[in-house]
Amino acid sequence: MKYKIGIASSDGKVVNLHFGKAGVFYIVEADSETMTFHYKERRETNPVCQGQEHDDMKLDGLADRLKDCDYVLVSRIGEGARTALSRYSTLAFELPGFVEDSIKRLLSYVEVQNLLNE
């Protein structure tokens, strides 16, 4: 199965940004059958968190910008951001590390969930 994933990364190589502080998301298409992925685009965003504070409207705007993604990979995410994403049926996972490793961990988890839900 194919999935669209937004990755909060400073360089496209590692998942290393907090959701609300990310200025860019790398969008990939991943295939759970082959455990492969390829980059689709680099999507510029405006960071919505300043310290511990965030604007709910800006947070929802960022979630809306990523609504075409099935999943978002981040180093950290707060409950408000997680809730905003879920309104668009986008699930967030804190999986910091190399992009390839984080995607494989996500795909393995998704496949197990799919098997359990059959």
Protein backbone atom coordinates (compact mmCIF):
# COMPACT_ATOMS: atom_id res chain seq x y z
CA MET A 1 0.00 0.00 0.00
CA LYS A 2 1.21 3.53 -0.71
CA TYR A 3 1.20 6.37 1.79
CA LYS A 4 2.01 10.06 1.66
CA ILE A 5 4.20 11.16 4.56
CA GLY A 6 5.24 14.65 5.68
CA ILE A 7 8.63 14.76 7.39
CA ALA A 8 9.76 17.58 9.69
CA SER A 9 13.42 17.79 8.73
CA SER A 10 16.05 20.50 8.48
CA ASP A 11 17.85 18.71 5.64
CA GLY A 12 15.66 15.89 4.29
CA LYS A 13 18.03 13.31 5.76
CA VAL A 14 16.95 13.18 9.40
CA VAL A 15 13.65 13.59 11.23
CA ASN A 16 14.82 16.29 13.62
CA LEU A 17 12.25 19.07 13.95
CA HIS A 18 9.41 19.76 16.35
CA PHE A 19 6.11 19.94 14.44
CA GLY A 20 5.28 23.53 15.38
CA LYS A 21 8.83 24.81 14.84
CA ALA A 22 9.37 23.25 11.41
CA GLY A 23 9.93 25.66 8.54
CA VAL A 24 9.83 22.89 5.97
CA PHE A 25 8.30 19.45 5.52
CA TYR A 26 9.67 16.95 3.03
CA ILE A 27 6.82 15.06 1.42
CA VAL A 28 7.49 11.47 0.40
CA GLU A 29 5.47 8.65 -1.07
CA ALA A 30 6.20 5.36 0.66
CA ASP A 31 5.27 1.83 -0.37
CA SER A 32 4.70 -0.60 2.50
CA GLU A 33 5.01 -3.66 0.23
CA THR A 34 8.53 -2.83 -0.95
CA MET A 35 9.51 -0.72 2.11
CA THR A 36 10.76 1.99 -0.25
CA PHE A 37 10.02 5.68 -0.63
CA HIS A 38 10.76 8.58 -2.91
CA TYR A 39 10.68 12.31 -2.38
CA LYS A 40 7.76 14.18 -3.96
CA GLU A 41 8.33 17.74 -2.81
CA ARG A 42 9.82 20.12 -0.28
CA ARG A 43 6.97 22.09 1.29
CA GLU A 44 7.84 25.41 2.96
CA THR A 45 5.83 26.26 6.08
CA ASN A 46 5.75 29.01 8.67
CA PRO A 47 6.69 27.84 12.17
CA VAL A 48 3.69 28.26 14.45
CA CYS A 49 5.29 27.78 17.89
CA GLN A 50 7.23 30.44 19.74
CA GLY A 51 8.66 28.82 22.86
CA GLN A 52 5.76 27.04 24.55
CA GLU A 53 3.17 29.29 22.92
CA HIS A 54 1.25 28.73 19.70
CA ASP A 55 -1.66 30.29 17.88
CA ASP A 56 -4.48 27.75 17.40
CA MET A 57 -5.50 29.28 14.06
CA LYS A 58 -1.92 29.06 12.74
CA LEU A 59 -1.65 25.51 14.07
CA ASP A 60 -4.81 24.53 12.24
CA GLY A 61 -3.48 26.26 9.11
CA LEU A 62 -0.32 24.15 9.26
CA ALA A 63 -2.39 20.99 9.73
CA ASP A 64 -4.49 22.04 6.73
CA ARG A 65 -1.29 22.48 4.67
CA LEU A 66 -0.43 18.83 5.41
CA LYS A 67 -3.95 17.41 5.04
CA ASP A 68 -3.00 15.42 1.94
CA CYS A 69 -0.55 13.39 4.06
CA ASP A 70 -1.55 10.14 5.70
CA TYR A 71 1.20 10.51 8.30
CA VAL A 72 3.60 13.12 9.65
CA LEU A 73 6.98 12.21 11.16
CA VAL A 74 8.44 14.63 13.70
CA SER A 75 10.95 14.70 16.53
CA ARG A 76 8.31 16.12 18.90
CA ILE A 77 4.67 17.17 18.78
CA GLY A 78 2.22 18.51 21.32
CA GLU A 79 -1.32 17.31 21.87
CA GLY A 80 -2.83 20.44 20.33
CA ALA A 81 -0.95 19.86 17.09
CA ARG A 82 -1.76 16.15 17.14
CA THR A 83 -5.45 17.00 17.54
CA ALA A 84 -5.32 19.58 14.72
CA LEU A 85 -3.79 16.98 12.36
CA SER A 86 -6.33 14.33 13.36
CA ARG A 87 -9.15 16.62 12.17
CA TYR A 88 -7.75 15.98 8.68
CA SER A 89 -7.21 12.26 9.34
CA THR A 90 -3.45 12.76 9.45
CA LEU A 91 -1.63 10.81 12.16
CA ALA A 92 1.58 12.09 13.74
CA PHE A 93 4.45 9.94 15.00
CA GLU A 94 7.49 11.00 17.00
CA LEU A 95 10.19 9.03 15.19
CA PRO A 96 13.41 11.05 15.26
CA GLY A 97 16.40 9.64 13.39
CA PHE A 98 17.43 9.01 9.81
CA VAL A 99 14.49 9.48 7.42
CA GLU A 100 14.88 6.01 5.88
CA ASP A 101 14.90 4.30 9.29
CA SER A 102 11.94 6.34 10.57
CA ILE A 103 9.88 5.56 7.46
CA LYS A 104 10.63 1.83 7.74
CA ARG A 105 9.60 1.86 11.41
CA LEU A 106 6.36 3.64 10.52
CA LEU A 107 5.56 1.29 7.64
CA SER A 108 6.23 -1.77 9.79
CA TYR A 109 3.87 -0.42 12.45
CA VAL A 110 1.17 0.39 9.88
CA GLU A 111 1.39 -3.08 8.35
CA VAL A 112 1.02 -4.74 11.75
CA GLN A 113 -2.00 -2.52 12.51
CA ASN A 114 -3.53 -3.46 9.16
CA LEU A 115 -3.07 -7.16 9.91
CA LEU A 116 -4.65 -6.78 13.35
CA ASN A 117 -7.64 -4.94 11.87
CA GLU A 118 -8.38 -7.53 9.19
